[in-house]
PDB file of N, CA and C in Angstrom:
ATOM      1  N   UNK A   1      29.299 -31.979 -20.510  1.00  0.00           N
ATOM      2  CA  UNK A   1      28.385 -32.806 -19.756  1.00  0.00           C
ATOM      3  C   UNK A   1      27.584 -33.701 -20.691  1.00  0.00           C
ATOM      4  N   UNK A   2      27.180 -33.177 -21.879  1.00  0.00           N
ATOM      5  CA  UNK A   2      26.406 -33.972 -22.824  1.00  0.00           C
ATOM      6  C   UNK A   2      27.207 -35.164 -23.327  1.00  0.00           C
ATOM      7  N   UNK A   3      28.501 -34.971 -23.585  1.00  0.00           N
ATOM      8  CA  UNK A   3      29.337 -36.070 -24.070  1.00  0.00           C
ATOM      9  C   UNK A   3      29.417 -37.184 -23.045  1.00  0.00           C
ATOM     10  N   UNK A   4      29.527 -36.817 -21.776  1.00  0.00           N
ATOM     11  CA  UNK A   4      29.629 -37.812 -20.722  1.00  0.00           C
ATOM     12  C   UNK A   4      28.321 -38.597 -20.617  1.00  0.00           C
ATOM     13  N   UNK A   5      27.207 -37.915 -20.694  1.00  0.00           N
ATOM     14  CA  UNK A   5      25.898 -38.576 -20.606  1.00  0.00           C
ATOM     15  C   UNK A   5      25.699 -39.515 -21.780  1.00  0.00           C
ATOM     16  N   UNK A   6      26.060 -39.092 -22.981  1.00  0.00           N
ATOM     17  CA  UNK A   6      25.916 -39.939 -24.166  1.00  0.00           C
ATOM     18  C   UNK A   6      26.788 -41.171 -24.037  1.00  0.00           C
ATOM     19  N   UNK A   7      28.008 -41.014 -23.550  1.00  0.00           N
ATOM     20  CA  UNK A   7      28.906 -42.150 -23.363  1.00  0.00           C
ATOM     21  C   UNK A   7      28.330 -43.134 -22.357  1.00  0.00           C
ATOM     22  N   UNK A   8      27.804 -42.648 -21.253  1.00  0.00           N
ATOM     23  CA  UNK A   8      27.226 -43.517 -20.229  1.00  0.00           C
ATOM     24  C   UNK A   8      26.025 -44.261 -20.792  1.00  0.00           C
ATOM     25  N   UNK A   9      25.186 -43.569 -21.556  1.00  0.00           N
ATOM     26  CA  UNK A   9      24.015 -44.205 -22.174  1.00  0.00           C
ATOM     27  C   UNK A   9      24.466 -45.262 -23.173  1.00  0.00           C
ATOM     28  N   UNK A  10      25.475 -44.957 -23.988  1.00  0.00           N
ATOM     29  CA  UNK A  10      25.967 -45.913 -24.976  1.00  0.00           C
ATOM     30  C   UNK A  10      26.519 -47.156 -24.291  1.00  0.00           C
ATOM     31  N   UNK A  11      27.290 -47.001 -23.230  1.00  0.00           N
ATOM     32  CA  UNK A  11      27.845 -48.143 -22.501  1.00  0.00           C
ATOM     33  C   UNK A  11      26.713 -48.959 -21.882  1.00  0.00           C
ATOM     34  N   UNK A  12      25.712 -48.271 -21.324  1.00  0.00           N
ATOM     35  CA  UNK A  12      24.581 -48.977 -20.721  1.00  0.00           C
ATOM     36  C   UNK A  12      23.813 -49.764 -21.769  1.00  0.00           C
ATOM     37  N   UNK A  13      23.611 -49.190 -22.951  1.00  0.00           N
ATOM     38  CA  UNK A  13      22.900 -49.888 -24.021  1.00  0.00           C
ATOM     39  C   UNK A  13      23.686 -51.103 -24.507  1.00  0.00           C
ATOM     40  N   UNK A  14      24.985 -50.944 -24.665  1.00  0.00           N
ATOM     41  CA  UNK A  14      25.816 -52.066 -25.105  1.00  0.00           C
ATOM     42  C   UNK A  14      25.733 -53.194 -24.089  1.00  0.00           C
ATOM     43  N   UNK A  15      25.770 -52.858 -22.798  1.00  0.00           N
ATOM     44  CA  UNK A  15      25.677 -53.875 -21.754  1.00  0.00           C
ATOM     45  C   UNK A  15      24.353 -54.618 -21.794  1.00  0.00           C
ATOM     46  N   UNK A  16      23.263 -53.924 -22.086  1.00  0.00           N
ATOM     47  CA  UNK A  16      21.955 -54.584 -22.113  1.00  0.00           C
ATOM     48  C   UNK A  16      21.738 -55.370 -23.391  1.00  0.00           C
ATOM     49  N   UNK A  17      22.492 -55.078 -24.435  1.00  0.00           N
ATOM     50  CA  UNK A  17      22.326 -55.791 -25.707  1.00  0.00           C
ATOM     51  C   UNK A  17      23.121 -57.089 -25.726  1.00  0.00           C
ATOM     52  N   UNK A  18      23.906 -57.347 -24.714  1.00  0.00           N
ATOM     53  CA  UNK A  18      24.666 -58.589 -24.662  1.00  0.00           C
ATOM     54  C   UNK A  18      25.938 -58.567 -25.472  1.00  0.00           C
ATOM     55  N   UNK A  19      26.433 -57.395 -25.799  1.00  0.00           N
ATOM     56  CA  UNK A  19      27.679 -57.290 -26.557  1.00  0.00           C
ATOM     57  C   UNK A  19      28.830 -57.322 -25.563  1.00  0.00           C
ATOM     58  N   UNK A  20      29.774 -58.212 -25.804  1.00  0.00           N
ATOM     59  CA  UNK A  20      30.917 -58.341 -24.896  1.00  0.00           C
ATOM     60  C   UNK A  20      31.959 -57.289 -25.239  1.00  0.00           C
ATOM     61  N   UNK A  21      32.423 -56.591 -24.257  1.00  0.00           N
ATOM     62  CA  UNK A  21      33.503 -55.635 -24.426  1.00  0.00           C
ATOM     63  C   UNK A  21      34.813 -56.318 -24.052  1.00  0.00           C
ATOM     64  N   UNK A  22      35.905 -55.978 -24.714  1.00  0.00           N
ATOM     65  CA  UNK A  22      37.183 -56.620 -24.388  1.00  0.00           C
ATOM     66  C   UNK A  22      37.606 -56.293 -22.967  1.00  0.00           C
ATOM     67  N   UNK A  23      38.121 -57.295 -22.285  1.00  0.00           N
ATOM     68  CA  UNK A  23      38.578 -57.095 -20.903  1.00  0.00           C
ATOM     69  C   UNK A  23      40.088 -56.958 -20.825  1.00  0.00           C
ATOM     70  N   UNK A  24      40.802 -57.350 -21.886  1.00  0.00           N
ATOM     71  CA  UNK A  24      42.257 -57.239 -21.913  1.00  0.00           C
ATOM     72  C   UNK A  24      42.646 -56.238 -22.982  1.00  0.00           C
ATOM     73  N   UNK A  25      43.795 -55.601 -22.778  1.00  0.00           N
ATOM     74  CA  UNK A  25      44.283 -54.725 -23.840  1.00  0.00           C
ATOM     75  C   UNK A  25      44.864 -55.596 -24.947  1.00  0.00           C
ATOM     76  N   UNK A  26      44.690 -55.146 -26.154  1.00  0.00           N
ATOM     77  CA  UNK A  26      45.186 -55.885 -27.313  1.00  0.00           C
ATOM     78  C   UNK A  26      46.477 -55.220 -27.759  1.00  0.00           C
ATOM     79  N   UNK A  27      47.562 -55.969 -27.738  1.00  0.00           N
ATOM     80  CA  UNK A  27      48.853 -55.449 -28.170  1.00  0.00           C
ATOM     81  C   UNK A  27      48.919 -55.464 -29.689  1.00  0.00           C
ATOM     82  N   UNK A  28      49.417 -54.406 -30.305  1.00  0.00           N
ATOM     83  CA  UNK A  28      49.537 -54.408 -31.756  1.00  0.00           C
ATOM     84  C   UNK A  28      50.592 -55.411 -32.203  1.00  0.00           C
ATOM     85  N   UNK A  29      50.340 -56.068 -33.316  1.00  0.00           N
ATOM     86  CA  UNK A  29      51.325 -56.996 -33.859  1.00  0.00           C
ATOM     87  C   UNK A  29      52.396 -56.194 -34.585  1.00  0.00           C
ATOM     88  N   UNK A  30      53.545 -56.812 -34.804  1.00  0.00           N
ATOM     89  CA  UNK A  30      54.646 -56.144 -35.475  1.00  0.00           C
ATOM     90  C   UNK A  30      54.237 -55.697 -36.872  1.00  0.00           C
ATOM     91  N   UNK A  31      53.350 -56.482 -37.529  1.00  0.00           N
ATOM     92  CA  UNK A  31      52.915 -56.137 -38.874  1.00  0.00           C
ATOM     93  C   UNK A  31      52.066 -54.868 -38.880  1.00  0.00           C
ATOM     94  N   UNK A  32      51.358 -54.601 -37.783  1.00  0.00           N
ATOM     95  CA  UNK A  32      50.488 -53.429 -37.761  1.00  0.00           C
ATOM     96  C   UNK A  32      51.229 -52.161 -37.343  1.00  0.00           C
ATOM     97  N   UNK A  33      52.419 -52.290 -36.770  1.00  0.00           N
ATOM     98  CA  UNK A  33      53.209 -51.134 -36.352  1.00  0.00           C
ATOM     99  C   UNK A  33      53.974 -50.626 -37.566  1.00  0.00           C
ATOM    100  N   UNK A  34      53.849 -49.347 -37.826  1.00  0.00           N
ATOM    101  CA  UNK A  34      54.563 -48.755 -38.956  1.00  0.00           C
ATOM    102  C   UNK A  34      55.455 -47.632 -38.452  1.00  0.00           C
ATOM    103  N   UNK A  35      56.637 -47.544 -39.019  1.00  0.00           N
ATOM    104  CA  UNK A  35      57.560 -46.460 -38.706  1.00  0.00           C
ATOM    105  C   UNK A  35      57.593 -45.509 -39.895  1.00  0.00           C
ATOM    106  N   UNK A  36      57.810 -44.250 -39.631  1.00  0.00           N
ATOM    107  CA  UNK A  36      57.950 -43.270 -40.698  1.00  0.00           C
ATOM    108  C   UNK A  36      59.414 -43.201 -41.107  1.00  0.00           C
ATOM    109  N   UNK A  37      59.662 -43.453 -42.380  1.00  0.00           N
ATOM    110  CA  UNK A  37      60.997 -43.298 -42.952  1.00  0.00           C
ATOM    111  C   UNK A  37      60.921 -42.050 -43.820  1.00  0.00           C
ATOM    112  N   UNK A  38      61.741 -41.059 -43.504  1.00  0.00           N
ATOM    113  CA  UNK A  38      61.705 -39.794 -44.237  1.00  0.00           C
ATOM    114  C   UNK A  38      63.118 -39.323 -44.497  1.00  0.00           C
ATOM    115  N   UNK A  39      63.286 -38.572 -45.556  1.00  0.00           N
ATOM    116  CA  UNK A  39      64.602 -38.047 -45.876  1.00  0.00           C
ATOM    117  C   UNK A  39      64.575 -37.284 -47.176  1.00  0.00           C
ATOM    118  N   UNK A  40      65.713 -37.218 -47.814  1.00  0.00           N
ATOM    119  CA  UNK A  40      65.835 -36.480 -49.061  1.00  0.00           C
ATOM    120  C   UNK A  40      66.953 -37.078 -49.898  1.00  0.00           C
ATOM    121  N   UNK A  41      66.851 -36.869 -51.196  1.00  0.00           N
ATOM    122  CA  UNK A  41      67.903 -37.266 -52.135  1.00  0.00           C
ATOM    123  C   UNK A  41      68.433 -35.977 -52.749  1.00  0.00           C
ATOM    124  N   UNK A  42      69.759 -35.774 -52.626  1.00  0.00           N
ATOM    125  CA  UNK A  42      70.408 -34.554 -53.089  1.00  0.00           C
ATOM    126  C   UNK A  42      71.476 -34.871 -54.121  1.00  0.00           C
ATOM    127  N   UNK A  43      71.803 -33.859 -54.924  1.00  0.00           N
ATOM    128  CA  UNK A  43      72.961 -33.926 -55.807  1.00  0.00           C
ATOM    129  C   UNK A  43      74.205 -33.679 -54.970  1.00  0.00           C
ATOM    130  N   UNK A  44      75.195 -34.530 -55.117  1.00  0.00           N
ATOM    131  CA  UNK A  44      76.446 -34.366 -54.374  1.00  0.00           C
ATOM    132  C   UNK A  44      77.163 -33.073 -54.791  1.00  0.00           C
ATOM    133  N   UNK A  45      77.049 -32.719 -56.064  1.00  0.00           N
ATOM    134  CA  UNK A  45      77.759 -31.544 -56.565  1.00  0.00           C
ATOM    135  C   UNK A  45      77.062 -30.225 -56.216  1.00  0.00           C
ATOM    136  N   UNK A  46      75.747 -30.181 -56.340  1.00  0.00           N
ATOM    137  CA  UNK A  46      75.040 -28.910 -56.186  1.00  0.00           C
ATOM    138  C   UNK A  46      74.280 -28.779 -54.869  1.00  0.00           C
ATOM    139  N   UNK A  47      74.142 -29.883 -54.116  1.00  0.00           N
ATOM    140  CA  UNK A  47      73.394 -29.904 -52.853  1.00  0.00           C
ATOM    141  C   UNK A  47      71.913 -29.547 -53.040  1.00  0.00           C
ATOM    142  N   UNK A  48      71.396 -29.717 -54.257  1.00  0.00           N
ATOM    143  CA  UNK A  48      69.975 -29.459 -54.502  1.00  0.00           C
ATOM    144  C   UNK A  48      69.218 -30.778 -54.521  1.00  0.00           C
ATOM    145  N   UNK A  49      67.936 -30.710 -54.165  1.00  0.00           N
ATOM    146  CA  UNK A  49      67.106 -31.902 -54.162  1.00  0.00           C
ATOM    147  C   UNK A  49      66.894 -32.453 -55.564  1.00  0.00           C
ATOM    148  N   UNK A  50      66.776 -33.781 -55.645  1.00  0.00           N
ATOM    149  CA  UNK A  50      66.618 -34.439 -56.943  1.00  0.00           C
ATOM    150  C   UNK A  50      65.294 -35.198 -57.034  1.00  0.00           C
ATOM    151  N   UNK A  51      64.709 -35.226 -58.237  1.00  0.00           N
ATOM    152  CA  UNK A  51      63.604 -36.158 -58.449  1.00  0.00           C
ATOM    153  C   UNK A  51      64.210 -37.560 -58.534  1.00  0.00           C
ATOM    154  N   UNK A  52      63.827 -38.446 -57.651  1.00  0.00           N
ATOM    155  CA  UNK A  52      64.452 -39.767 -57.592  1.00  0.00           C
ATOM    156  C   UNK A  52      63.413 -40.829 -57.254  1.00  0.00           C
ATOM    157  N   UNK A  53      63.791 -42.072 -57.513  1.00  0.00           N
ATOM    158  CA  UNK A  53      62.979 -43.227 -57.147  1.00  0.00           C
ATOM    159  C   UNK A  53      63.730 -43.998 -56.079  1.00  0.00           C
ATOM    160  N   UNK A  54      63.027 -44.348 -55.009  1.00  0.00           N
ATOM    161  CA  UNK A  54      63.615 -45.129 -53.926  1.00  0.00           C
ATOM    162  C   UNK A  54      62.860 -46.446 -53.875  1.00  0.00           C
ATOM    163  N   UNK A  55      63.584 -47.552 -54.032  1.00  0.00           N
ATOM    164  CA  UNK A  55      62.973 -48.887 -54.035  1.00  0.00           C
ATOM    165  C   UNK A  55      63.385 -49.630 -52.763  1.00  0.00           C
ATOM    166  N   UNK A  56      62.376 -50.229 -52.122  1.00  0.00           N
ATOM    167  CA  UNK A  56      62.596 -51.014 -50.901  1.00  0.00           C
ATOM    168  C   UNK A  56      62.315 -52.475 -51.215  1.00  0.00           C
ATOM    169  N   UNK A  57      63.334 -53.331 -51.092  1.00  0.00           N
ATOM    170  CA  UNK A  57      63.133 -54.765 -51.322  1.00  0.00           C
ATOM    171  C   UNK A  57      62.349 -55.355 -50.159  1.00  0.00           C
ATOM    172  N   UNK A  58      61.464 -56.293 -50.467  1.00  0.00           N
ATOM    173  CA  UNK A  58      60.688 -57.021 -49.454  1.00  0.00           C
ATOM    174  C   UNK A  58      59.809 -56.118 -48.593  1.00  0.00           C
ATOM    175  N   UNK A  59      59.282 -55.047 -49.138  1.00  0.00           N
ATOM    176  CA  UNK A  59      58.407 -54.141 -48.387  1.00  0.00           C
ATOM    177  C   UNK A  59      57.023 -54.150 -49.009  1.00  0.00           C
ATOM    178  N   UNK A  60      56.023 -53.810 -48.214  1.00  0.00           N
ATOM    179  CA  UNK A  60      54.665 -53.727 -48.748  1.00  0.00           C
ATOM    180  C   UNK A  60      54.562 -52.582 -49.749  1.00  0.00           C
ATOM    181  N   UNK A  61      55.283 -51.503 -49.504  1.00  0.00           N
ATOM    182  CA  UNK A  61      55.396 -50.409 -50.476  1.00  0.00           C
ATOM    183  C   UNK A  61      56.776 -50.546 -51.088  1.00  0.00           C
ATOM    184  N   UNK A  62      56.837 -50.943 -52.342  1.00  0.00           N
ATOM    185  CA  UNK A  62      58.131 -51.276 -52.930  1.00  0.00           C
ATOM    186  C   UNK A  62      58.843 -50.080 -53.528  1.00  0.00           C
ATOM    187  N   UNK A  63      58.114 -48.987 -53.795  1.00  0.00           N
ATOM    188  CA  UNK A  63      58.741 -47.858 -54.469  1.00  0.00           C
ATOM    189  C   UNK A  63      58.096 -46.554 -54.014  1.00  0.00           C
ATOM    190  N   UNK A  64      58.907 -45.530 -53.856  1.00  0.00           N
ATOM    191  CA  UNK A  64      58.411 -44.194 -53.529  1.00  0.00           C
ATOM    192  C   UNK A  64      59.213 -43.188 -54.352  1.00  0.00           C
ATOM    193  N   UNK A  65      58.543 -42.128 -54.768  1.00  0.00           N
ATOM    194  CA  UNK A  65      59.194 -41.056 -55.541  1.00  0.00           C
ATOM    195  C   UNK A  65      59.423 -39.865 -54.629  1.00  0.00           C
ATOM    196  N   UNK A  66      60.535 -39.175 -54.846  1.00  0.00           N
ATOM    197  CA  UNK A  66      60.790 -37.952 -54.094  1.00  0.00           C
ATOM    198  C   UNK A  66      60.003 -36.807 -54.723  1.00  0.00           C
ATOM    199  N   UNK A  67      59.821 -35.744 -53.959  1.00  0.00           N
ATOM    200  CA  UNK A  67      59.251 -34.524 -54.513  1.00  0.00           C
ATOM    201  C   UNK A  67      60.266 -33.988 -55.519  1.00  0.00           C
ATOM    202  N   UNK A  68      59.862 -33.764 -56.773  1.00  0.00           N
ATOM    203  CA  UNK A  68      60.850 -33.371 -57.793  1.00  0.00           C
ATOM    204  C   UNK A  68      61.535 -32.038 -57.524  1.00  0.00           C
ATOM    205  N   UNK A  69      60.919 -31.152 -56.780  1.00  0.00           N
ATOM    206  CA  UNK A  69      61.521 -29.852 -56.514  1.00  0.00           C
ATOM    207  C   UNK A  69      62.441 -29.823 -55.313  1.00  0.00           C
ATOM    208  N   UNK A  70      62.139 -30.675 -54.315  1.00  0.00           N
ATOM    209  CA  UNK A  70      62.910 -30.623 -53.063  1.00  0.00           C
ATOM    210  C   UNK A  70      63.740 -31.874 -52.809  1.00  0.00           C
ATOM    211  N   UNK A  71      63.391 -32.983 -53.438  1.00  0.00           N
ATOM    212  CA  UNK A  71      64.080 -34.256 -53.179  1.00  0.00           C
ATOM    213  C   UNK A  71      63.584 -34.957 -51.930  1.00  0.00           C
ATOM    214  N   UNK A  72      62.584 -34.395 -51.247  1.00  0.00           N
ATOM    215  CA  UNK A  72      62.075 -34.981 -50.002  1.00  0.00           C
ATOM    216  C   UNK A  72      61.137 -36.153 -50.273  1.00  0.00           C
ATOM    217  N   UNK A  73      61.114 -37.099 -49.348  1.00  0.00           N
ATOM    218  CA  UNK A  73      60.186 -38.227 -49.422  1.00  0.00           C
ATOM    219  C   UNK A  73      59.805 -38.658 -48.014  1.00  0.00           C
ATOM    220  N   UNK A  74      58.685 -39.386 -47.933  1.00  0.00           N
ATOM    221  CA  UNK A  74      58.243 -39.959 -46.667  1.00  0.00           C
ATOM    222  C   UNK A  74      57.426 -41.197 -46.983  1.00  0.00           C
ATOM    223  N   UNK A  75      57.657 -42.271 -46.222  1.00  0.00           N
ATOM    224  CA  UNK A  75      56.939 -43.525 -46.417  1.00  0.00           C
ATOM    225  C   UNK A  75      56.806 -44.224 -45.061  1.00  0.00           C
ATOM    226  N   UNK A  76      55.761 -44.997 -44.895  1.00  0.00           N
ATOM    227  CA  UNK A  76      55.572 -45.780 -43.666  1.00  0.00           C
ATOM    228  C   UNK A  76      55.892 -47.241 -43.983  1.00  0.00           C
ATOM    229  N   UNK A  77      56.781 -47.837 -43.164  1.00  0.00           N
ATOM    230  CA  UNK A  77      57.198 -49.223 -43.344  1.00  0.00           C
ATOM    231  C   UNK A  77      57.135 -49.960 -42.013  1.00  0.00           C
ATOM    232  N   UNK A  78      56.920 -51.252 -42.091  1.00  0.00           N
ATOM    233  CA  UNK A  78      56.994 -52.088 -40.898  1.00  0.00           C
ATOM    234  C   UNK A  78      58.443 -52.186 -40.447  1.00  0.00           C
ATOM    235  N   UNK A  79      58.685 -52.306 -39.146  1.00  0.00           N
ATOM    236  CA  UNK A  79      60.057 -52.471 -38.670  1.00  0.00           C
ATOM    237  C   UNK A  79      60.719 -53.690 -39.314  1.00  0.00           C
ATOM    238  N   UNK A  80      61.994 -53.560 -39.612  1.00  0.00           N
ATOM    239  CA  UNK A  80      62.739 -54.658 -40.220  1.00  0.00           C
ATOM    240  C   UNK A  80      63.934 -54.141 -40.999  1.00  0.00           C
ATOM    241  N   UNK A  81      64.568 -55.054 -41.731  1.00  0.00           N
ATOM    242  CA  UNK A  81      65.736 -54.717 -42.553  1.00  0.00           C
ATOM    243  C   UNK A  81      65.316 -54.675 -44.008  1.00  0.00           C
ATOM    244  N   UNK A  82      65.775 -53.646 -44.706  1.00  0.00           N
ATOM    245  CA  UNK A  82      65.429 -53.482 -46.113  1.00  0.00           C
ATOM    246  C   UNK A  82      66.668 -53.171 -46.921  1.00  0.00           C
ATOM    247  N   UNK A  83      66.721 -53.717 -48.124  1.00  0.00           N
ATOM    248  CA  UNK A  83      67.719 -53.312 -49.097  1.00  0.00           C
ATOM    249  C   UNK A  83      67.085 -52.178 -49.887  1.00  0.00           C
ATOM    250  N   UNK A  84      67.807 -51.071 -49.998  1.00  0.00           N
ATOM    251  CA  UNK A  84      67.268 -49.869 -50.619  1.00  0.00           C
ATOM    252  C   UNK A  84      68.102 -49.527 -51.839  1.00  0.00           C
ATOM    253  N   UNK A  85      67.422 -49.156 -52.933  1.00  0.00           N
ATOM    254  CA  UNK A  85      68.119 -48.689 -54.138  1.00  0.00           C
ATOM    255  C   UNK A  85      67.560 -47.328 -54.498  1.00  0.00           C
ATOM    256  N   UNK A  86      68.445 -46.350 -54.661  1.00  0.00           N
ATOM    257  CA  UNK A  86      68.051 -44.992 -54.984  1.00  0.00           C
ATOM    258  C   UNK A  86      68.587 -44.665 -56.368  1.00  0.00           C
ATOM    259  N   UNK A  87      67.703 -44.149 -57.230  1.00  0.00           N
ATOM    260  CA  UNK A  87      68.147 -43.810 -58.577  1.00  0.00           C
ATOM    261  C   UNK A  87      67.497 -42.509 -59.037  1.00  0.00           C
ATOM    262  N   UNK A  88      68.237 -41.788 -59.879  1.00  0.00           N
ATOM    263  CA  UNK A  88      67.765 -40.545 -60.469  1.00  0.00           C
ATOM    264  C   UNK A  88      68.418 -40.425 -61.843  1.00  0.00           C
ATOM    265  N   UNK A  89      67.676 -39.899 -62.799  1.00  0.00           N
ATOM    266  CA  UNK A  89      68.186 -39.771 -64.163  1.00  0.00           C
ATOM    267  C   UNK A  89      69.479 -38.952 -64.172  1.00  0.00           C
ATOM    268  N   UNK A  90      70.469 -39.457 -64.908  1.00  0.00           N
ATOM    269  CA  UNK A  90      71.785 -38.840 -65.062  1.00  0.00           C
ATOM    270  C   UNK A  90      72.644 -38.876 -63.804  1.00  0.00           C
ATOM    271  N   UNK A  91      72.272 -39.708 -62.822  1.00  0.00           N
ATOM    272  CA  UNK A  91      73.054 -39.874 -61.599  1.00  0.00           C
ATOM    273  C   UNK A  91      73.347 -41.350 -61.381  1.00  0.00           C
ATOM    274  N   UNK A  92      74.463 -41.636 -60.726  1.00  0.00           N
ATOM    275  CA  UNK A  92      74.820 -43.007 -60.422  1.00  0.00           C
ATOM    276  C   UNK A  92      73.885 -43.539 -59.334  1.00  0.00           C
ATOM    277  N   UNK A  93      73.281 -44.716 -59.550  1.00  0.00           N
ATOM    278  CA  UNK A  93      72.403 -45.279 -58.512  1.00  0.00           C
ATOM    279  C   UNK A  93      73.210 -45.658 -57.264  1.00  0.00           C
ATOM    280  N   UNK A  94      72.532 -45.721 -56.168  1.00  0.00           N
ATOM    281  CA  UNK A  94      73.178 -46.070 -54.900  1.00  0.00           C
ATOM    282  C   UNK A  94      72.322 -47.108 -54.189  1.00  0.00           C
ATOM    283  N   UNK A  95      72.984 -48.100 -53.581  1.00  0.00           N
ATOM    284  CA  UNK A  95      72.290 -49.135 -52.817  1.00  0.00           C
ATOM    285  C   UNK A  95      72.799 -49.118 -51.383  1.00  0.00           C
ATOM    286  N   UNK A  96      71.919 -49.510 -50.468  1.00  0.00           N
ATOM    287  CA  UNK A  96      72.299 -49.551 -49.051  1.00  0.00           C
ATOM    288  C   UNK A  96      71.344 -50.462 -48.305  1.00  0.00           C
ATOM    289  N   UNK A  97      71.740 -50.845 -47.101  1.00  0.00           N
ATOM    290  CA  UNK A  97      70.857 -51.566 -46.186  1.00  0.00           C
ATOM    291  C   UNK A  97      70.301 -50.550 -45.202  1.00  0.00           C
ATOM    292  N   UNK A  98      69.029 -50.713 -44.845  1.00  0.00           N
ATOM    293  CA  UNK A  98      68.375 -49.782 -43.943  1.00  0.00           C
ATOM    294  C   UNK A  98      67.639 -50.557 -42.863  1.00  0.00           C
ATOM    295  N   UNK A  99      67.920 -50.229 -41.615  1.00  0.00           N
ATOM    296  CA  UNK A  99      67.219 -50.818 -40.473  1.00  0.00           C
ATOM    297  C   UNK A  99      66.097 -49.882 -40.058  1.00  0.00           C
ATOM    298  N   UNK A 100      64.882 -50.398 -40.042  1.00  0.00           N
ATOM    299  CA  UNK A 100      63.731 -49.603 -39.640  1.00  0.00           C
ATOM    300  C   UNK A 100      63.264 -50.094 -38.279  1.00  0.00           C
ATOM    301  N   UNK A 101      63.226 -49.184 -37.316  1.00  0.00           N
ATOM    302  CA  UNK A 101      62.754 -49.509 -35.970  1.00  0.00           C
ATOM    303  C   UNK A 101      61.300 -49.047 -35.852  1.00  0.00           C
ATOM    304  N   UNK A 102      60.773 -49.040 -34.626  1.00  0.00           N
ATOM    305  CA  UNK A 102      59.382 -48.657 -34.407  1.00  0.00           C
ATOM    306  C   UNK A 102      59.194 -47.155 -34.261  1.00  0.00           C
ATOM    307  N   UNK A 103      60.183 -46.375 -34.633  1.00  0.00           N
ATOM    308  CA  UNK A 103      60.056 -44.925 -34.538  1.00  0.00           C
ATOM    309  C   UNK A 103      60.437 -44.315 -35.879  1.00  0.00           C
ATOM    310  N   UNK A 104      60.616 -43.032 -35.896  1.00  0.00           N
ATOM    311  CA  UNK A 104      60.956 -42.339 -37.131  1.00  0.00           C
ATOM    312  C   UNK A 104      62.400 -42.621 -37.529  1.00  0.00           C
ATOM    313  N   UNK A 105      62.614 -42.865 -38.801  1.00  0.00           N
ATOM    314  CA  UNK A 105      63.945 -43.112 -39.345  1.00  0.00           C
ATOM    315  C   UNK A 105      64.211 -42.042 -40.390  1.00  0.00           C
ATOM    316  N   UNK A 106      65.330 -41.341 -40.265  1.00  0.00           N
ATOM    317  CA  UNK A 106      65.711 -40.347 -41.257  1.00  0.00           C
ATOM    318  C   UNK A 106      66.814 -40.925 -42.120  1.00  0.00           C
ATOM    319  N   UNK A 107      66.659 -40.782 -43.437  1.00  0.00           N
ATOM    320  CA  UNK A 107      67.619 -41.368 -44.357  1.00  0.00           C
ATOM    321  C   UNK A 107      67.859 -40.394 -45.502  1.00  0.00           C
ATOM    322  N   UNK A 108      69.048 -39.775 -45.512  1.00  0.00           N
ATOM    323  CA  UNK A 108      69.404 -38.804 -46.534  1.00  0.00           C
ATOM    324  C   UNK A 108      70.467 -39.406 -47.440  1.00  0.00           C
ATOM    325  N   UNK A 109      70.376 -39.091 -48.734  1.00  0.00           N
ATOM    326  CA  UNK A 109      71.290 -39.669 -49.724  1.00  0.00           C
ATOM    327  C   UNK A 109      71.807 -38.563 -50.626  1.00  0.00           C
ATOM    328  N   UNK A 110      73.098 -38.610 -50.950  1.00  0.00           N
ATOM    329  CA  UNK A 110      73.684 -37.716 -51.938  1.00  0.00           C
ATOM    330  C   UNK A 110      74.172 -38.578 -53.097  1.00  0.00           C
ATOM    331  N   UNK A 111      73.664 -38.283 -54.282  1.00  0.00           N
ATOM    332  CA  UNK A 111      74.039 -39.042 -55.478  1.00  0.00           C
ATOM    333  C   UNK A 111      75.088 -38.297 -56.278  1.00  0.00           C
ATOM    334  N   UNK A 112      75.981 -39.061 -56.895  1.00  0.00           N
ATOM    335  CA  UNK A 112      77.044 -38.550 -57.743  1.00  0.00           C
ATOM    336  C   UNK A 112      76.533 -38.471 -59.171  1.00  0.00           C
ATOM    337  N   UNK A 113      76.757 -37.314 -59.834  1.00  0.00           N
ATOM    338  CA  UNK A 113      76.351 -37.136 -61.223  1.00  0.00           C
ATOM    339  C   UNK A 113      77.190 -38.043 -62.110  1.00  0.00           C
ATOM    340  N   UNK A 114      76.583 -38.552 -63.194  1.00  0.00           N
ATOM    341  CA  UNK A 114      77.313 -39.416 -64.150  1.00  0.00           C
ATOM    342  C   UNK A 114      78.403 -38.652 -64.859  1.00  0.00           C
TER     343      UNK A 114
END
């Protein structure tokens, strides 16, 4: 009951102070919408997670590191197309194109040992 009373008082005060409240809903722009891209980088031979670097071309976050013990990573990116390069010491690098939508994207990679 106290929360409701405080809210009503706050709205009443805002109305008397001449502050305009928005009358339309504001749609988020594509730039403000972020999707979660998550996955792991594994060794093709041993199926164990690798410490790796994942680079995203043309992204606000250009590089992310995997957890060195598990190979897991997670990053938030705006929807769009990205060129991705995955590299790990003593493993052959791998490149791919990745489409990011407005929802969660899972991206798993297995690298070949040199």
